[in-house]
PDB file of N, CA and C in Angstrom:
ATOM      1  N   MET A   1       0.860  -1.176   0.000  1.00  0.00           N
ATOM      2  CA  MET A   1       0.000   0.000   0.000  1.00  0.00           C
ATOM      3  C   MET A   1       0.900   1.231   0.000  1.00  0.00           C
ATOM      4  N   PRO A   2       0.664   2.169  -0.893  1.00  0.00           N
ATOM      5  CA  PRO A   2       1.496   3.369  -0.925  1.00  0.00           C
ATOM      6  C   PRO A   2       1.327   4.181   0.348  1.00  0.00           C
ATOM      7  N   GLY A   3       2.365   4.872   0.712  1.00  0.00           N
ATOM      8  CA  GLY A   3       2.327   5.664   1.940  1.00  0.00           C
ATOM      9  C   GLY A   3       1.351   6.821   1.888  1.00  0.00           C
ATOM     10  N   SER A   4       1.026   7.319   0.697  1.00  0.00           N
ATOM     11  CA  SER A   4       0.107   8.449   0.593  1.00  0.00           C
ATOM     12  C   SER A   4      -1.355   8.032   0.748  1.00  0.00           C
ATOM     13  N   ALA A   5      -1.653   6.745   0.652  1.00  0.00           N
ATOM     14  CA  ALA A   5      -3.037   6.289   0.757  1.00  0.00           C
ATOM     15  C   ALA A   5      -3.526   6.331   2.202  1.00  0.00           C
ATOM     16  N   ILE A   6      -2.644   6.125   3.148  1.00  0.00           N
ATOM     17  CA  ILE A   6      -3.045   6.109   4.553  1.00  0.00           C
ATOM     18  C   ILE A   6      -3.456   7.503   5.037  1.00  0.00           C
ATOM     19  N   PRO A   7      -2.691   8.565   4.760  1.00  0.00           N
ATOM     20  CA  PRO A   7      -3.135   9.893   5.213  1.00  0.00           C
ATOM     21  C   PRO A   7      -4.392  10.392   4.506  1.00  0.00           C
ATOM     22  N   SER A   8      -4.699   9.910   3.309  1.00  0.00           N
ATOM     23  CA  SER A   8      -5.880  10.393   2.599  1.00  0.00           C
ATOM     24  C   SER A   8      -7.167   9.731   3.086  1.00  0.00           C
ATOM     25  N   ALA A   9      -7.068   8.637   3.841  1.00  0.00           N
ATOM     26  CA  ALA A   9      -8.258   7.939   4.324  1.00  0.00           C
ATOM     27  C   ALA A   9      -9.126   8.807   5.237  1.00  0.00           C
ATOM     28  N   PRO A  10      -8.565   9.538   6.211  1.00  0.00           N
ATOM     29  CA  PRO A  10      -9.429  10.390   7.053  1.00  0.00           C
ATOM     30  C   PRO A  10     -10.115  11.499   6.251  1.00  0.00           C
ATOM     31  N   SER A  11      -9.435  12.078   5.287  1.00  0.00           N
ATOM     32  CA  SER A  11     -10.074  13.134   4.507  1.00  0.00           C
ATOM     33  C   SER A  11     -11.173  12.562   3.612  1.00  0.00           C
ATOM     34  N   ALA A  12     -11.010  11.336   3.149  1.00  0.00           N
ATOM     35  CA  ALA A  12     -12.065  10.696   2.356  1.00  0.00           C
ATOM     36  C   ALA A  12     -13.289  10.428   3.224  1.00  0.00           C
ATOM     37  N   ARG A  13     -13.069  10.048   4.474  1.00  0.00           N
ATOM     38  CA  ARG A  13     -14.184   9.820   5.392  1.00  0.00           C
ATOM     39  C   ARG A  13     -14.929  11.113   5.681  1.00  0.00           C
ATOM     40  N   VAL A  14     -14.177  12.188   5.898  1.00  0.00           N
ATOM     41  CA  VAL A  14     -14.803  13.489   6.155  1.00  0.00           C
ATOM     42  C   VAL A  14     -15.602  13.933   4.938  1.00  0.00           C
ATOM     43  N   ALA A  15     -15.027  13.782   3.745  1.00  0.00           N
ATOM     44  CA  ALA A  15     -15.714  14.190   2.524  1.00  0.00           C
ATOM     45  C   ALA A  15     -16.992  13.379   2.323  1.00  0.00           C
ATOM     46  N   SER A  16     -16.938  12.067   2.574  1.00  0.00           N
ATOM     47  CA  SER A  16     -18.142  11.254   2.394  1.00  0.00           C
ATOM     48  C   SER A  16     -19.204  11.620   3.428  1.00  0.00           C
ATOM     49  N   GLY A  17     -18.799  11.936   4.637  1.00  0.00           N
ATOM     50  CA  GLY A  17     -19.758  12.363   5.661  1.00  0.00           C
ATOM     51  C   GLY A  17     -20.436  13.671   5.291  1.00  0.00           C
ATOM     52  N   LEU A  18     -19.666  14.620   4.748  1.00  0.00           N
ATOM     53  CA  LEU A  18     -20.249  15.889   4.323  1.00  0.00           C
ATOM     54  C   LEU A  18     -21.195  15.694   3.146  1.00  0.00           C
ATOM     55  N   LEU A  19     -20.846  14.805   2.235  1.00  0.00           N
ATOM     56  CA  LEU A  19     -21.703  14.524   1.089  1.00  0.00           C
ATOM     57  C   LEU A  19     -23.034  13.917   1.541  1.00  0.00           C
ATOM     58  N   ILE A  20     -22.976  12.991   2.473  1.00  0.00           N
ATOM     59  CA  ILE A  20     -24.197  12.368   2.983  1.00  0.00           C
ATOM     60  C   ILE A  20     -25.052  13.398   3.711  1.00  0.00           C
ATOM     61  N   ARG A  21     -24.419  14.233   4.519  1.00  0.00           N
ATOM     62  CA  ARG A  21     -25.164  15.263   5.249  1.00  0.00           C
ATOM     63  C   ARG A  21     -25.838  16.241   4.299  1.00  0.00           C
ATOM     64  N   SER A  22     -25.126  16.636   3.241  1.00  0.00           N
ATOM     65  CA  SER A  22     -25.705  17.549   2.251  1.00  0.00           C
ATOM     66  C   SER A  22     -26.873  16.896   1.527  1.00  0.00           C
ATOM     67  N   PHE A  23     -26.745  15.617   1.186  1.00  0.00           N
ATOM     68  CA  PHE A  23     -27.820  14.909   0.502  1.00  0.00           C
ATOM     69  C   PHE A  23     -29.066  14.837   1.373  1.00  0.00           C
ATOM     70  N   VAL A  24     -28.889  14.583   2.659  1.00  0.00           N
ATOM     71  CA  VAL A  24     -30.028  14.523   3.580  1.00  0.00           C
ATOM     72  C   VAL A  24     -30.698  15.891   3.670  1.00  0.00           C
ATOM     73  N   GLN A  25     -29.914  16.964   3.683  1.00  0.00           N
ATOM     74  CA  GLN A  25     -30.483  18.304   3.737  1.00  0.00           C
ATOM     75  C   GLN A  25     -31.243  18.639   2.460  1.00  0.00           C
ATOM     76  N   VAL A  26     -30.751  18.197   1.316  1.00  0.00           N
ATOM     77  CA  VAL A  26     -31.452  18.441   0.053  1.00  0.00           C
ATOM     78  C   VAL A  26     -32.790  17.710   0.040  1.00  0.00           C
ATOM     79  N   LEU A  27     -32.818  16.501   0.567  1.00  0.00           N
ATOM     80  CA  LEU A  27     -34.077  15.752   0.608  1.00  0.00           C
ATOM     81  C   LEU A  27     -35.107  16.414   1.524  1.00  0.00           C
ATOM     82  N   ALA A  28     -34.656  17.180   2.509  1.00  0.00           N
ATOM     83  CA  ALA A  28     -35.561  17.816   3.459  1.00  0.00           C
ATOM     84  C   ALA A  28     -36.143  19.128   2.937  1.00  0.00           C
ATOM     85  N   VAL A  29     -35.662  19.640   1.812  1.00  0.00           N
ATOM     86  CA  VAL A  29     -36.145  20.914   1.265  1.00  0.00           C
ATOM     87  C   VAL A  29     -37.511  20.718   0.621  1.00  0.00           C
ATOM     88  N   ASP A  30     -38.428  21.632   0.914  1.00  0.00           N
ATOM     89  CA  ASP A  30     -39.756  21.600   0.313  1.00  0.00           C
ATOM     90  C   ASP A  30     -39.648  22.044  -1.143  1.00  0.00           C
ATOM     91  N   PRO A  31     -40.074  21.201  -2.121  1.00  0.00           N
ATOM     92  CA  PRO A  31     -39.924  21.571  -3.531  1.00  0.00           C
ATOM     93  C   PRO A  31     -40.887  22.675  -3.973  1.00  0.00           C
ATOM     94  N   GLY A  32     -41.905  22.982  -3.185  1.00  0.00           N
ATOM     95  CA  GLY A  32     -42.849  24.030  -3.539  1.00  0.00           C
ATOM     96  C   GLY A  32     -44.054  23.514  -4.306  1.00  0.00           C
ATOM     97  N   PHE A  33     -44.120  22.218  -4.555  1.00  0.00           N
ATOM     98  CA  PHE A  33     -45.268  21.615  -5.227  1.00  0.00           C
ATOM     99  C   PHE A  33     -45.395  20.183  -4.732  1.00  0.00           C
ATOM    100  N   ASP A  34     -46.528  19.572  -5.018  1.00  0.00           N
ATOM    101  CA  ASP A  34     -46.756  18.190  -4.615  1.00  0.00           C
ATOM    102  C   ASP A  34     -46.298  17.277  -5.750  1.00  0.00           C
ATOM    103  N   PRO A  35     -45.141  16.603  -5.614  1.00  0.00           N
ATOM    104  CA  PRO A  35     -44.623  15.787  -6.708  1.00  0.00           C
ATOM    105  C   PRO A  35     -45.487  14.564  -7.034  1.00  0.00           C
ATOM    106  N   ARG A  36     -46.439  14.233  -6.194  1.00  0.00           N
ATOM    107  CA  ARG A  36     -47.317  13.094  -6.480  1.00  0.00           C
ATOM    108  C   ARG A  36     -48.275  13.402  -7.633  1.00  0.00           C
ATOM    109  N   HIS A  37     -48.469  14.694  -7.934  1.00  0.00           N
ATOM    110  CA  HIS A  37     -49.428  15.087  -8.968  1.00  0.00           C
ATOM    111  C   HIS A  37     -48.733  15.657 -10.198  1.00  0.00           C
ATOM    112  N   VAL A  38     -47.502  15.276 -10.430  1.00  0.00           N
ATOM    113  CA  VAL A  38     -46.751  15.748 -11.589  1.00  0.00           C
ATOM    114  C   VAL A  38     -46.876  14.720 -12.706  1.00  0.00           C
ATOM    115  N   LEU A  39     -47.129  15.203 -13.909  1.00  0.00           N
ATOM    116  CA  LEU A  39     -47.250  14.340 -15.074  1.00  0.00           C
ATOM    117  C   LEU A  39     -46.041  14.558 -15.965  1.00  0.00           C
ATOM    118  N   ASN A  40     -45.444  13.480 -16.423  1.00  0.00           N
ATOM    119  CA  ASN A  40     -44.249  13.547 -17.262  1.00  0.00           C
ATOM    120  C   ASN A  40     -44.540  12.809 -18.559  1.00  0.00           C
ATOM    121  N   GLY A  41     -44.082  13.370 -19.672  1.00  0.00           N
ATOM    122  CA  GLY A  41     -44.304  12.710 -20.946  1.00  0.00           C
ATOM    123  C   GLY A  41     -43.278  13.140 -21.975  1.00  0.00           C
ATOM    124  N   GLN A  42     -43.232  12.433 -23.091  1.00  0.00           N
ATOM    125  CA  GLN A  42     -42.332  12.760 -24.195  1.00  0.00           C
ATOM    126  C   GLN A  42     -43.150  12.865 -25.471  1.00  0.00           C
ATOM    127  N   PRO A  43     -43.457  14.089 -25.898  1.00  0.00           N
ATOM    128  CA  PRO A  43     -44.228  14.240 -27.134  1.00  0.00           C
ATOM    129  C   PRO A  43     -43.382  13.877 -28.351  1.00  0.00           C
ATOM    130  N   GLN A  44     -44.023  13.276 -29.355  1.00  0.00           N
ATOM    131  CA  GLN A  44     -43.329  12.925 -30.592  1.00  0.00           C
ATOM    132  C   GLN A  44     -44.159  13.404 -31.770  1.00  0.00           C
ATOM    133  N   LEU A  45     -43.486  14.003 -32.737  1.00  0.00           N
ATOM    134  CA  LEU A  45     -44.139  14.396 -33.962  1.00  0.00           C
ATOM    135  C   LEU A  45     -44.138  13.208 -34.915  1.00  0.00           C
ATOM    136  N   ALA A  46     -45.075  13.179 -35.821  1.00  0.00           N
ATOM    137  CA  ALA A  46     -45.177  12.072 -36.771  1.00  0.00           C
ATOM    138  C   ALA A  46     -43.895  11.989 -37.610  1.00  0.00           C
ATOM    139  N   GLY A  47     -43.226  10.854 -37.537  1.00  0.00           N
ATOM    140  CA  GLY A  47     -42.012  10.633 -38.332  1.00  0.00           C
ATOM    141  C   GLY A  47     -40.754  11.232 -37.757  1.00  0.00           C
ATOM    142  N   HIS A  48     -40.842  11.860 -36.610  1.00  0.00           N
ATOM    143  CA  HIS A  48     -39.664  12.474 -35.997  1.00  0.00           C
ATOM    144  C   HIS A  48     -39.493  11.958 -34.572  1.00  0.00           C
ATOM    145  N   SER A  49     -38.284  11.952 -34.139  1.00  0.00           N
ATOM    146  CA  SER A  49     -37.985  11.562 -32.771  1.00  0.00           C
ATOM    147  C   SER A  49     -37.091  12.623 -32.137  1.00  0.00           C
ATOM    148  N   LEU A  50     -37.278  12.879 -30.874  1.00  0.00           N
ATOM    149  CA  LEU A  50     -36.443  13.850 -30.181  1.00  0.00           C
ATOM    150  C   LEU A  50     -35.033  13.317 -29.959  1.00  0.00           C
ATOM    151  N   PHE A  51     -34.909  12.013 -29.914  1.00  0.00           N
ATOM    152  CA  PHE A  51     -33.611  11.387 -29.674  1.00  0.00           C
ATOM    153  C   PHE A  51     -33.259  10.508 -30.857  1.00  0.00           C
ATOM    154  N   ALA A  52     -32.070  10.703 -31.394  1.00  0.00           N
ATOM    155  CA  ALA A  52     -31.639   9.905 -32.549  1.00  0.00           C
ATOM    156  C   ALA A  52     -31.387   8.470 -32.099  1.00  0.00           C
ATOM    157  N   ARG A  53     -31.793   7.555 -32.898  1.00  0.00           N
ATOM    158  CA  ARG A  53     -31.582   6.145 -32.549  1.00  0.00           C
ATOM    159  C   ARG A  53     -30.606   5.520 -33.477  1.00  0.00           C
TER     160      ARG A  53
END
């Protein structure tokens, strides 16, 4: 194991903890609408596609 990998382990743990904490805070934010009543769709014109296949 390289010698530089051991000192980077604590900083990786701190970074992952901050990432998890930020993700939990983002999930707690009120989106301003009720996402249960959102409709999603992909309109297509005759003979055309929005995404090339």
